[in-house]
Amino acid sequence: MSTTADRIRHRRADGPKFGPIRWLTRHAQVMVSTLGRLYRRPVSSLLSVTVIGIALALPAGLHVLIQNTRAISSSLEGAARISVFLQRNVTDNQRDALADVLRRREDVANVTVISAEQALAEFKALSGFGDAIDALEDNPLPAVLVVTPASADGAAVDALRTALAGFPETEIVQLDSEWLQRLNAILEIINRGILVLAGMFGVAVVIVVGNTIRLDIQNRREEIVVTKLVGGTDAFVRRPFLYMGFWYGAGGGVMAWLLTGIALLLMHEPVSRLAGLYGSGFRLEGLGFNGGLAVLGAGALLGWLGAMVAASQHLADIEPE
């Protein structure tokens, strides 16, 4: 003689089969109803969405910061300069002759001559040690040739720097964009760190959504038992919780998009003012439409995953007696 539980399982297995249109209709109804359930408890829903949004906004904001920093460094890399510091005993005629030789090279776009006197005057104006420098009997600064490479290719610039170091008049050759290369290396390390951080926050979002769905399952335990008694399948019972997790994650994605935009808006004016001091028209770039959709999609996926983990784990323990 079959038990009640056996009859329920048999009824679930032999339940009615719906066509694709009916299936889509059912899912649309559940999606709208779960959104309405969240709307009816705005405080708790907003708190959960805010926590998820902050967790998503932190890696997204760091990614935007790295991208803007890369944009600045890329614009500066295109204007690489090689400073050739000449020997102190090089005369003005030798200096000008070397500059003419360099200007005729195919790998050189331009050569700017800075005399020792010009270098000293600029140093006095910028350093604030004018009185101390006036006390010196001799000019300690050499003449400098600022060489602009014809190509921004790294190998070509390195070859030109090696060639400039081989001239007998040269004492020191310094590539002005070396610090940019170090900056890019640091940014690459930070970018890897952001990926690790994003993974950690992604796990945090799954845990937050899973815990929220677990509490909701416990609060609706009697409703779930009744649904299973009348033949509701596990997939049918699980469906509203999955869509609830989806809405939590999607709402968190929208919140993260909004928080990132507010942060950039607050930083826009001081960054523009700083760029103006350097004669640059640089403007901060946000997530953009595609980036915003990526954050929204990631939030929705993580929310759905958290709901799936919680529902699969806890719904199996709720069975009619």
C-alpha atoms as a PDB file:
ATOM      1  CA  MET A   1       0.000   0.000   0.000  1.00  0.00           C
ATOM      2  CA  SER A   2       1.508   3.330  -1.073  1.00  0.00           C
ATOM      3  CA  THR A   3       2.082   6.124   1.403  1.00  0.00           C
ATOM      4  CA  THR A   4       1.035   9.752   1.046  1.00  0.00           C
ATOM      5  CA  ALA A   5       4.601  10.751   0.202  1.00  0.00           C
ATOM      6  CA  ASP A   6       4.749   8.085  -2.549  1.00  0.00           C
ATOM      7  CA  ARG A   7       1.495   9.356  -4.082  1.00  0.00           C
ATOM      8  CA  ILE A   8       2.808  12.911  -4.001  1.00  0.00           C
ATOM      9  CA  ARG A   9       6.045  11.922  -5.759  1.00  0.00           C
ATOM     10  CA  HIS A  10       4.067   9.938  -8.357  1.00  0.00           C
ATOM     11  CA  ARG A  11       1.785  12.931  -8.987  1.00  0.00           C
ATOM     12  CA  ARG A  12       4.775  15.244  -9.434  1.00  0.00           C
ATOM     13  CA  ALA A  13       6.395  12.878 -11.911  1.00  0.00           C
ATOM     14  CA  ASP A  14       3.188  12.426 -13.955  1.00  0.00           C
ATOM     15  CA  GLY A  15       2.082  16.066 -13.723  1.00  0.00           C
ATOM     16  CA  PRO A  16       0.736  17.889 -16.753  1.00  0.00           C
ATOM     17  CA  LYS A  17       3.161  18.916 -19.450  1.00  0.00           C
ATOM     18  CA  PHE A  18       2.942  22.513 -20.689  1.00  0.00           C
ATOM     19  CA  GLY A  19       3.880  23.880 -24.088  1.00  0.00           C
ATOM     20  CA  PRO A  20       6.579  26.517 -24.538  1.00  0.00           C
ATOM     21  CA  ILE A  21       4.101  29.416 -24.523  1.00  0.00           C
ATOM     22  CA  ARG A  22       2.487  28.215 -21.307  1.00  0.00           C
ATOM     23  CA  TRP A  23       5.970  27.665 -19.821  1.00  0.00           C
ATOM     24  CA  LEU A  24       7.065  31.211 -20.671  1.00  0.00           C
ATOM     25  CA  THR A  25       3.808  32.586 -19.292  1.00  0.00           C
ATOM     26  CA  ARG A  26       4.346  30.780 -15.994  1.00  0.00           C
ATOM     27  CA  HIS A  27       7.887  32.162 -15.713  1.00  0.00           C
ATOM     28  CA  ALA A  28       6.731  35.695 -16.521  1.00  0.00           C
ATOM     29  CA  GLN A  29       4.019  35.456 -13.861  1.00  0.00           C
ATOM     30  CA  VAL A  30       6.511  34.267 -11.250  1.00  0.00           C
ATOM     31  CA  MET A  31       8.996  36.961 -12.224  1.00  0.00           C
ATOM     32  CA  VAL A  32       6.419  39.719 -11.790  1.00  0.00           C
ATOM     33  CA  SER A  33       4.992  38.243  -8.587  1.00  0.00           C
ATOM     34  CA  THR A  34       8.417  37.964  -6.925  1.00  0.00           C
ATOM     35  CA  LEU A  35       9.167  41.577  -7.866  1.00  0.00           C
ATOM     36  CA  GLY A  36       5.881  42.556  -6.255  1.00  0.00           C
ATOM     37  CA  ARG A  37       6.801  40.599  -3.116  1.00  0.00           C
ATOM     38  CA  LEU A  38      10.051  42.571  -2.830  1.00  0.00           C
ATOM     39  CA  TYR A  39       8.152  45.813  -3.414  1.00  0.00           C
ATOM     40  CA  ARG A  40       5.815  45.049  -0.507  1.00  0.00           C
ATOM     41  CA  ARG A  41       8.750  44.928   1.922  1.00  0.00           C
ATOM     42  CA  PRO A  42      10.825  47.913   0.748  1.00  0.00           C
ATOM     43  CA  VAL A  43      13.076  48.383   3.791  1.00  0.00           C
ATOM     44  CA  SER A  44      14.520  44.876   3.965  1.00  0.00           C
ATOM     45  CA  SER A  45      14.729  44.650   0.166  1.00  0.00           C
ATOM     46  CA  LEU A  46      16.553  47.976  -0.070  1.00  0.00           C
ATOM     47  CA  LEU A  47      19.025  46.958   2.633  1.00  0.00           C
ATOM     48  CA  SER A  48      19.854  43.707   0.851  1.00  0.00           C
ATOM     49  CA  VAL A  49      20.164  45.434  -2.520  1.00  0.00           C
ATOM     50  CA  THR A  50      22.415  48.128  -1.002  1.00  0.00           C
ATOM     51  CA  VAL A  51      24.764  45.561   0.531  1.00  0.00           C
ATOM     52  CA  ILE A  52      24.997  43.732  -2.803  1.00  0.00           C
ATOM     53  CA  GLY A  53      25.473  47.046  -4.638  1.00  0.00           C
ATOM     54  CA  ILE A  54      28.376  48.077  -2.414  1.00  0.00           C
ATOM     55  CA  ALA A  55      30.013  44.679  -2.870  1.00  0.00           C
ATOM     56  CA  LEU A  56      29.747  45.049  -6.657  1.00  0.00           C
ATOM     57  CA  ALA A  57      30.643  48.759  -6.725  1.00  0.00           C
ATOM     58  CA  LEU A  58      34.041  48.345  -5.045  1.00  0.00           C
ATOM     59  CA  PRO A  59      35.696  46.191  -7.758  1.00  0.00           C
ATOM     60  CA  ALA A  60      33.793  48.065 -10.484  1.00  0.00           C
ATOM     61  CA  GLY A  61      35.019  51.425  -9.163  1.00  0.00           C
ATOM     62  CA  LEU A  62      38.605  50.174  -8.899  1.00  0.00           C
ATOM     63  CA  HIS A  63      38.378  48.892 -12.472  1.00  0.00           C
ATOM     64  CA  VAL A  64      37.194  52.310 -13.661  1.00  0.00           C
ATOM     65  CA  LEU A  65      40.060  53.959 -11.761  1.00  0.00           C
ATOM     66  CA  ILE A  66      42.616  51.667 -13.390  1.00  0.00           C
ATOM     67  CA  GLN A  67      41.153  52.279 -16.853  1.00  0.00           C
ATOM     68  CA  ASN A  68      41.345  56.053 -16.379  1.00  0.00           C
ATOM     69  CA  THR A  69      44.912  55.802 -15.132  1.00  0.00           C
ATOM     70  CA  ARG A  70      45.822  53.701 -18.161  1.00  0.00           C
ATOM     71  CA  ALA A  71      44.256  56.327 -20.417  1.00  0.00           C
ATOM     72  CA  ILE A  72      46.423  59.021 -18.834  1.00  0.00           C
ATOM     73  CA  SER A  73      49.612  56.972 -19.127  1.00  0.00           C
ATOM     74  CA  SER A  74      48.827  56.033 -22.751  1.00  0.00           C
ATOM     75  CA  SER A  75      48.435  59.669 -23.712  1.00  0.00           C
ATOM     76  CA  LEU A  76      51.751  60.489 -22.067  1.00  0.00           C
ATOM     77  CA  GLU A  77      53.557  57.532 -23.611  1.00  0.00           C
ATOM     78  CA  GLY A  78      52.889  58.924 -27.056  1.00  0.00           C
ATOM     79  CA  ALA A  79      55.026  61.948 -26.150  1.00  0.00           C
ATOM     80  CA  ALA A  80      58.146  60.092 -24.975  1.00  0.00           C
ATOM     81  CA  ARG A  81      61.270  62.249 -24.777  1.00  0.00           C
ATOM     82  CA  ILE A  82      64.915  61.307 -24.445  1.00  0.00           C
ATOM     83  CA  SER A  83      67.069  63.751 -22.488  1.00  0.00           C
ATOM     84  CA  VAL A  84      70.734  63.699 -23.491  1.00  0.00           C
ATOM     85  CA  PHE A  85      72.931  65.334 -20.836  1.00  0.00           C
ATOM     86  CA  LEU A  86      76.206  66.438 -22.403  1.00  0.00           C
ATOM     87  CA  GLN A  87      79.690  66.517 -20.929  1.00  0.00           C
ATOM     88  CA  ARG A  88      80.540  69.694 -19.015  1.00  0.00           C
ATOM     89  CA  ASN A  89      83.464  70.425 -21.358  1.00  0.00           C
ATOM     90  CA  VAL A  90      81.339  70.331 -24.537  1.00  0.00           C
ATOM     91  CA  THR A  91      81.390  73.731 -26.247  1.00  0.00           C
ATOM     92  CA  ASP A  92      78.367  75.486 -27.739  1.00  0.00           C
ATOM     93  CA  ASN A  93      79.589  74.758 -31.267  1.00  0.00           C
ATOM     94  CA  GLN A  94      79.994  71.038 -30.487  1.00  0.00           C
ATOM     95  CA  ARG A  95      76.574  70.992 -28.903  1.00  0.00           C
ATOM     96  CA  ASP A  96      74.907  72.620 -31.935  1.00  0.00           C
ATOM     97  CA  ALA A  97      76.793  70.358 -34.331  1.00  0.00           C
ATOM     98  CA  LEU A  98      75.602  67.264 -32.458  1.00  0.00           C
ATOM     99  CA  ALA A  99      72.045  68.599 -32.534  1.00  0.00           C
ATOM    100  CA  ASP A 100      72.286  69.033 -36.334  1.00  0.00           C
ATOM    101  CA  VAL A 101      73.574  65.469 -36.703  1.00  0.00           C
ATOM    102  CA  LEU A 102      70.691  64.113 -34.674  1.00  0.00           C
ATOM    103  CA  ARG A 103      68.101  66.105 -36.618  1.00  0.00           C
ATOM    104  CA  ARG A 104      69.240  64.366 -39.816  1.00  0.00           C
ATOM    105  CA  ARG A 105      68.562  60.927 -38.381  1.00  0.00           C
ATOM    106  CA  GLU A 106      65.428  59.147 -39.643  1.00  0.00           C
ATOM    107  CA  ASP A 107      64.540  57.885 -36.183  1.00  0.00           C
ATOM    108  CA  VAL A 108      64.522  61.408 -34.705  1.00  0.00           C
ATOM    109  CA  ALA A 109      61.489  63.687 -35.075  1.00  0.00           C
ATOM    110  CA  ASN A 110      62.838  66.760 -33.293  1.00  0.00           C
ATOM    111  CA  VAL A 111      65.758  67.990 -31.200  1.00  0.00           C
ATOM    112  CA  THR A 112      65.456  70.828 -28.683  1.00  0.00           C
ATOM    113  CA  VAL A 113      68.642  72.427 -27.385  1.00  0.00           C
ATOM    114  CA  ILE A 114      68.728  73.606 -23.777  1.00  0.00           C
ATOM    115  CA  SER A 115      71.918  75.474 -22.975  1.00  0.00           C
ATOM    116  CA  ALA A 116      73.579  75.274 -19.579  1.00  0.00           C
ATOM    117  CA  GLU A 117      72.497  78.854 -18.894  1.00  0.00           C
ATOM    118  CA  GLN A 118      68.862  78.063 -19.752  1.00  0.00           C
ATOM    119  CA  ALA A 119      68.929  74.952 -17.580  1.00  0.00           C
ATOM    120  CA  LEU A 120      70.320  76.971 -14.654  1.00  0.00           C
ATOM    121  CA  ALA A 121      67.707  79.719 -15.041  1.00  0.00           C
ATOM    122  CA  GLU A 122      64.890  77.143 -15.179  1.00  0.00           C
ATOM    123  CA  PHE A 123      66.254  75.330 -12.143  1.00  0.00           C
ATOM    124  CA  LYS A 124      66.464  78.580 -10.179  1.00  0.00           C
ATOM    125  CA  ALA A 125      62.886  79.466 -11.069  1.00  0.00           C
ATOM    126  CA  LEU A 126      61.437  76.073 -10.150  1.00  0.00           C
ATOM    127  CA  SER A 127      63.589  74.882  -7.264  1.00  0.00           C
ATOM    128  CA  GLY A 128      63.347  77.843  -4.899  1.00  0.00           C
ATOM    129  CA  PHE A 129      67.107  77.739  -4.257  1.00  0.00           C
ATOM    130  CA  GLY A 130      67.899  80.869  -6.227  1.00  0.00           C
ATOM    131  CA  ASP A 131      69.998  82.535  -3.523  1.00  0.00           C
ATOM    132  CA  ALA A 132      72.045  79.394  -2.913  1.00  0.00           C
ATOM    133  CA  ILE A 133      72.684  78.955  -6.633  1.00  0.00           C
ATOM    134  CA  ASP A 134      73.771  82.600  -7.001  1.00  0.00           C
ATOM    135  CA  ALA A 135      76.479  81.880  -4.444  1.00  0.00           C
ATOM    136  CA  LEU A 136      78.067  79.290  -6.749  1.00  0.00           C
ATOM    137  CA  GLU A 137      80.996  80.448  -8.829  1.00  0.00           C
ATOM    138  CA  ASP A 138      80.400  78.046 -11.733  1.00  0.00           C
ATOM    139  CA  ASN A 139      77.280  76.694 -13.397  1.00  0.00           C
ATOM    140  CA  PRO A 140      76.999  73.056 -12.235  1.00  0.00           C
ATOM    141  CA  LEU A 141      74.427  72.103 -14.887  1.00  0.00           C
ATOM    142  CA  PRO A 142      75.324  70.725 -18.329  1.00  0.00           C
ATOM    143  CA  ALA A 143      73.690  71.466 -21.653  1.00  0.00           C
ATOM    144  CA  VAL A 144      70.839  69.126 -22.593  1.00  0.00           C
ATOM    145  CA  LEU A 145      69.471  67.895 -25.901  1.00  0.00           C
ATOM    146  CA  VAL A 146      65.804  66.853 -25.698  1.00  0.00           C
ATOM    147  CA  VAL A 147      65.278  64.302 -28.465  1.00  0.00           C
ATOM    148  CA  THR A 148      61.798  63.314 -29.671  1.00  0.00           C
ATOM    149  CA  PRO A 149      61.789  59.845 -31.291  1.00  0.00           C
ATOM    150  CA  ALA A 150      60.076  59.502 -34.663  1.00  0.00           C
ATOM    151  CA  SER A 151      58.379  56.303 -33.489  1.00  0.00           C
ATOM    152  CA  ALA A 152      56.757  55.475 -30.166  1.00  0.00           C
ATOM    153  CA  ASP A 153      57.639  51.781 -30.582  1.00  0.00           C
ATOM    154  CA  GLY A 154      59.481  50.530 -27.514  1.00  0.00           C
ATOM    155  CA  ALA A 155      62.191  48.700 -29.464  1.00  0.00           C
ATOM    156  CA  ALA A 156      62.835  51.717 -31.703  1.00  0.00           C
ATOM    157  CA  VAL A 157      63.066  54.061 -28.713  1.00  0.00           C
ATOM    158  CA  ASP A 158      65.489  51.720 -26.933  1.00  0.00           C
ATOM    159  CA  ALA A 159      67.656  51.490 -30.067  1.00  0.00           C
ATOM    160  CA  LEU A 160      67.736  55.284 -30.348  1.00  0.00           C
ATOM    161  CA  ARG A 161      68.656  55.633 -26.675  1.00  0.00           C
ATOM    162  CA  THR A 162      71.539  53.198 -27.138  1.00  0.00           C
ATOM    163  CA  ALA A 163      72.759  55.134 -30.167  1.00  0.00           C
ATOM    164  CA  LEU A 164      72.621  58.447 -28.289  1.00  0.00           C
ATOM    165  CA  ALA A 165      74.618  56.987 -25.419  1.00  0.00           C
ATOM    166  CA  GLY A 166      77.419  56.113 -27.864  1.00  0.00           C
ATOM    167  CA  PHE A 167      78.291  59.705 -28.816  1.00  0.00           C
ATOM    168  CA  PRO A 168      81.487  60.978 -27.144  1.00  0.00           C
ATOM    169  CA  GLU A 169      79.770  64.230 -26.104  1.00  0.00           C
ATOM    170  CA  THR A 170      77.117  62.299 -24.137  1.00  0.00           C
ATOM    171  CA  GLU A 171      77.366  61.784 -20.398  1.00  0.00           C
ATOM    172  CA  ILE A 172      73.897  60.542 -19.404  1.00  0.00           C
ATOM    173  CA  VAL A 173      70.892  59.471 -21.486  1.00  0.00           C
ATOM    174  CA  GLN A 174      67.525  59.403 -19.728  1.00  0.00           C
ATOM    175  CA  LEU A 175      64.238  58.234 -21.208  1.00  0.00           C
ATOM    176  CA  ASP A 176      61.536  60.473 -19.735  1.00  0.00           C
ATOM    177  CA  SER A 177      58.824  57.809 -20.059  1.00  0.00           C
ATOM    178  CA  GLU A 178      60.610  55.150 -17.991  1.00  0.00           C
ATOM    179  CA  TRP A 179      58.436  56.043 -15.021  1.00  0.00           C
ATOM    180  CA  LEU A 180      55.386  55.352 -17.176  1.00  0.00           C
ATOM    181  CA  GLN A 181      56.630  51.847 -17.840  1.00  0.00           C
ATOM    182  CA  ARG A 182      56.998  51.312 -14.107  1.00  0.00           C
ATOM    183  CA  LEU A 183      53.519  52.754 -13.594  1.00  0.00           C
ATOM    184  CA  ASN A 184      52.040  50.362 -16.154  1.00  0.00           C
ATOM    185  CA  ALA A 185      53.751  47.433 -14.438  1.00  0.00           C
ATOM    186  CA  ILE A 186      52.257  48.538 -11.112  1.00  0.00           C
ATOM    187  CA  LEU A 187      48.832  48.951 -12.720  1.00  0.00           C
ATOM    188  CA  GLU A 188      49.037  45.426 -14.096  1.00  0.00           C
ATOM    189  CA  ILE A 189      49.685  44.083 -10.603  1.00  0.00           C
ATOM    190  CA  ILE A 190      46.790  46.131  -9.221  1.00  0.00           C
ATOM    191  CA  ASN A 191      44.550  44.872 -12.025  1.00  0.00           C
ATOM    192  CA  ARG A 192      45.319  41.279 -11.055  1.00  0.00           C
ATOM    193  CA  GLY A 193      44.510  42.194  -7.472  1.00  0.00           C
ATOM    194  CA  ILE A 194      41.181  43.643  -8.594  1.00  0.00           C
ATOM    195  CA  LEU A 195      40.310  40.349 -10.294  1.00  0.00           C
ATOM    196  CA  VAL A 196      41.005  38.504  -7.047  1.00  0.00           C
ATOM    197  CA  LEU A 197      39.005  41.110  -5.122  1.00  0.00           C
ATOM    198  CA  ALA A 198      36.119  40.834  -7.576  1.00  0.00           C
ATOM    199  CA  GLY A 199      36.076  37.065  -7.083  1.00  0.00           C
ATOM    200  CA  MET A 200      35.984  37.473  -3.314  1.00  0.00           C
ATOM    201  CA  PHE A 201      33.162  40.010  -3.479  1.00  0.00           C
ATOM    202  CA  GLY A 202      31.338  37.747  -5.922  1.00  0.00           C
ATOM    203  CA  VAL A 203      31.425  34.969  -3.338  1.00  0.00           C
ATOM    204  CA  ALA A 204      30.202  37.487  -0.754  1.00  0.00           C
ATOM    205  CA  VAL A 205      27.227  38.374  -2.969  1.00  0.00           C
ATOM    206  CA  VAL A 206      26.351  34.688  -3.360  1.00  0.00           C
ATOM    207  CA  ILE A 207      26.492  34.253   0.424  1.00  0.00           C
ATOM    208  CA  VAL A 208      24.376  37.369   1.098  1.00  0.00           C
ATOM    209  CA  VAL A 209      21.697  36.354  -1.406  1.00  0.00           C
ATOM    210  CA  GLY A 210      21.793  32.732  -0.246  1.00  0.00           C
ATOM    211  CA  ASN A 211      21.311  33.727   3.381  1.00  0.00           C
ATOM    212  CA  THR A 212      18.440  36.066   2.446  1.00  0.00           C
ATOM    213  CA  ILE A 213      16.729  33.335   0.430  1.00  0.00           C
ATOM    214  CA  ARG A 214      17.286  30.836   3.265  1.00  0.00           C
ATOM    215  CA  LEU A 215      15.440  33.117   5.690  1.00  0.00           C
ATOM    216  CA  ASP A 216      12.634  33.585   3.185  1.00  0.00           C
ATOM    217  CA  ILE A 217      12.347  29.818   2.762  1.00  0.00           C
ATOM    218  CA  GLN A 218      12.076  29.362   6.518  1.00  0.00           C
ATOM    219  CA  ASN A 219       9.404  32.059   6.741  1.00  0.00           C
ATOM    220  CA  ARG A 220       7.374  30.348   3.998  1.00  0.00           C
ATOM    221  CA  ARG A 221       7.871  26.808   5.232  1.00  0.00           C
ATOM    222  CA  GLU A 222       4.162  26.059   5.733  1.00  0.00           C
ATOM    223  CA  GLU A 223       3.331  27.453   2.297  1.00  0.00           C
ATOM    224  CA  ILE A 224       5.986  25.201   0.756  1.00  0.00           C
ATOM    225  CA  VAL A 225       4.644  22.147   2.563  1.00  0.00           C
ATOM    226  CA  VAL A 226       1.092  22.825   1.313  1.00  0.00           C
ATOM    227  CA  THR A 227       2.378  23.362  -2.242  1.00  0.00           C
ATOM    228  CA  LYS A 228       4.172  20.039  -2.181  1.00  0.00           C
ATOM    229  CA  LEU A 229       1.088  18.325  -0.708  1.00  0.00           C
ATOM    230  CA  VAL A 230      -1.011  19.355  -3.701  1.00  0.00           C
ATOM    231  CA  GLY A 231       1.632  18.050  -6.105  1.00  0.00           C
ATOM    232  CA  GLY A 232       3.985  20.975  -6.624  1.00  0.00           C
ATOM    233  CA  THR A 233       7.327  19.780  -7.987  1.00  0.00           C
ATOM    234  CA  ASP A 234      10.687  20.865  -6.569  1.00  0.00           C
ATOM    235  CA  ALA A 235      11.294  22.963  -9.671  1.00  0.00           C
ATOM    236  CA  PHE A 236       7.923  24.672  -9.230  1.00  0.00           C
ATOM    237  CA  VAL A 237       8.606  25.439  -5.565  1.00  0.00           C
ATOM    238  CA  ARG A 238      12.147  26.599  -6.286  1.00  0.00           C
ATOM    239  CA  ARG A 239      11.216  28.914  -9.152  1.00  0.00           C
ATOM    240  CA  PRO A 240      10.042  31.998  -7.180  1.00  0.00           C
ATOM    241  CA  PHE A 241      13.134  31.895  -4.966  1.00  0.00           C
ATOM    242  CA  LEU A 242      15.392  31.821  -8.029  1.00  0.00           C
ATOM    243  CA  TYR A 243      13.666  34.865  -9.477  1.00  0.00           C
ATOM    244  CA  MET A 244      13.869  36.583  -6.107  1.00  0.00           C
ATOM    245  CA  GLY A 245      17.633  36.010  -6.104  1.00  0.00           C
ATOM    246  CA  PHE A 246      17.739  37.312  -9.668  1.00  0.00           C
ATOM    247  CA  TRP A 247      15.972  40.533  -8.620  1.00  0.00           C
ATOM    248  CA  TYR A 248      18.255  40.972  -5.618  1.00  0.00           C
ATOM    249  CA  GLY A 249      21.329  40.639  -7.820  1.00  0.00           C
ATOM    250  CA  ALA A 250      19.959  42.820 -10.612  1.00  0.00           C
ATOM    251  CA  GLY A 251      18.990  45.496  -8.089  1.00  0.00           C
ATOM    252  CA  GLY A 252      22.475  45.290  -6.603  1.00  0.00           C
ATOM    253  CA  GLY A 253      23.938  45.748 -10.087  1.00  0.00           C
ATOM    254  CA  VAL A 254      21.839  48.880 -10.636  1.00  0.00           C
ATOM    255  CA  MET A 255      22.899  50.147  -7.204  1.00  0.00           C
ATOM    256  CA  ALA A 256      26.573  49.506  -8.032  1.00  0.00           C
ATOM    257  CA  TRP A 257      26.191  51.364 -11.349  1.00  0.00           C
ATOM    258  CA  LEU A 258      24.603  54.279  -9.510  1.00  0.00           C
ATOM    259  CA  LEU A 259      27.220  54.372  -6.729  1.00  0.00           C
ATOM    260  CA  THR A 260      30.075  54.292  -9.253  1.00  0.00           C
ATOM    261  CA  GLY A 261      28.486  57.138 -11.216  1.00  0.00           C
ATOM    262  CA  ILE A 262      28.041  59.237  -8.058  1.00  0.00           C
ATOM    263  CA  ALA A 263      31.686  58.662  -7.072  1.00  0.00           C
ATOM    264  CA  LEU A 264      32.907  59.749 -10.506  1.00  0.00           C
ATOM    265  CA  LEU A 265      30.628  62.773 -10.426  1.00  0.00           C
ATOM    266  CA  LEU A 266      32.138  63.865  -7.110  1.00  0.00           C
ATOM    267  CA  MET A 267      35.663  63.436  -8.510  1.00  0.00           C
ATOM    268  CA  HIS A 268      34.960  65.075 -11.868  1.00  0.00           C
ATOM    269  CA  GLU A 269      35.541  68.704 -10.895  1.00  0.00           C
ATOM    270  CA  PRO A 270      38.853  68.292  -9.000  1.00  0.00           C
ATOM    271  CA  VAL A 271      40.241  65.982 -11.689  1.00  0.00           C
ATOM    272  CA  SER A 272      39.262  68.442 -14.441  1.00  0.00           C
ATOM    273  CA  ARG A 273      40.859  71.285 -12.477  1.00  0.00           C
ATOM    274  CA  LEU A 274      44.092  69.313 -12.064  1.00  0.00           C
ATOM    275  CA  ALA A 275      44.154  68.359 -15.744  1.00  0.00           C
ATOM    276  CA  GLY A 276      43.646  72.023 -16.669  1.00  0.00           C
ATOM    277  CA  LEU A 277      46.729  72.993 -14.667  1.00  0.00           C
ATOM    278  CA  TYR A 278      48.754  70.713 -16.927  1.00  0.00           C
ATOM    279  CA  GLY A 279      47.051  71.976 -20.073  1.00  0.00           C
ATOM    280  CA  SER A 280      45.176  68.739 -20.612  1.00  0.00           C
ATOM    281  CA  GLY A 281      41.557  68.200 -21.523  1.00  0.00           C
ATOM    282  CA  PHE A 282      41.380  64.829 -19.768  1.00  0.00           C
ATOM    283  CA  ARG A 283      37.978  63.820 -18.408  1.00  0.00           C
ATOM    284  CA  LEU A 284      37.099  60.869 -16.232  1.00  0.00           C
ATOM    285  CA  GLU A 285      35.359  58.038 -18.043  1.00  0.00           C
ATOM    286  CA  GLY A 286      32.756  55.968 -16.215  1.00  0.00           C
ATOM    287  CA  LEU A 287      31.564  52.421 -16.718  1.00  0.00           C
ATOM    288  CA  GLY A 288      29.700  53.341 -19.874  1.00  0.00           C
ATOM    289  CA  PHE A 289      26.681  51.484 -21.201  1.00  0.00           C
ATOM    290  CA  ASN A 290      28.493  48.206 -21.849  1.00  0.00           C
ATOM    291  CA  GLY A 291      30.276  48.305 -18.500  1.00  0.00           C
ATOM    292  CA  GLY A 292      27.026  49.063 -16.709  1.00  0.00           C
ATOM    293  CA  LEU A 293      25.322  46.138 -18.424  1.00  0.00           C
ATOM    294  CA  ALA A 294      28.240  43.907 -17.432  1.00  0.00           C
ATOM    295  CA  VAL A 295      27.859  44.889 -13.766  1.00  0.00           C
ATOM    296  CA  LEU A 296      24.094  44.436 -13.980  1.00  0.00           C
ATOM    297  CA  GLY A 297      24.471  41.024 -15.614  1.00  0.00           C
ATOM    298  CA  ALA A 298      27.114  39.922 -13.104  1.00  0.00           C
ATOM    299  CA  GLY A 299      24.868  40.955 -10.220  1.00  0.00           C
ATOM    300  CA  ALA A 300      21.858  39.125 -11.643  1.00  0.00           C
ATOM    301  CA  LEU A 301      23.920  35.980 -12.286  1.00  0.00           C
ATOM    302  CA  LEU A 302      25.442  35.986  -8.800  1.00  0.00           C
ATOM    303  CA  GLY A 303      22.022  36.582  -7.248  1.00  0.00           C
ATOM    304  CA  TRP A 304      20.520  33.700  -9.196  1.00  0.00           C
ATOM    305  CA  LEU A 305      23.456  31.468  -8.218  1.00  0.00           C
ATOM    306  CA  GLY A 306      23.089  32.332  -4.522  1.00  0.00           C
ATOM    307  CA  ALA A 307      19.372  31.604  -4.675  1.00  0.00           C
ATOM    308  CA  MET A 308      19.992  28.318  -6.465  1.00  0.00           C
ATOM    309  CA  VAL A 309      22.476  27.161  -3.822  1.00  0.00           C
ATOM    310  CA  ALA A 310      20.178  28.117  -0.934  1.00  0.00           C
ATOM    311  CA  ALA A 311      16.992  26.746  -2.508  1.00  0.00           C
ATOM    312  CA  SER A 312      18.557  23.452  -3.550  1.00  0.00           C
ATOM    313  CA  GLN A 313      19.969  22.935  -0.083  1.00  0.00           C
ATOM    314  CA  HIS A 314      17.007  23.923   2.078  1.00  0.00           C
ATOM    315  CA  LEU A 315      13.972  22.978  -0.017  1.00  0.00           C
ATOM    316  CA  ALA A 316      15.068  19.340  -0.031  1.00  0.00           C
ATOM    317  CA  ASP A 317      14.705  19.284   3.749  1.00  0.00           C
ATOM    318  CA  ILE A 318      11.079  20.454   3.602  1.00  0.00           C
ATOM    319  CA  GLU A 319       8.788  17.521   2.795  1.00  0.00           C
ATOM    320  CA  PRO A 320       5.200  16.754   3.850  1.00  0.00           C
ATOM    321  CA  GLU A 321       4.983  14.148   6.592  1.00  0.00           C
END
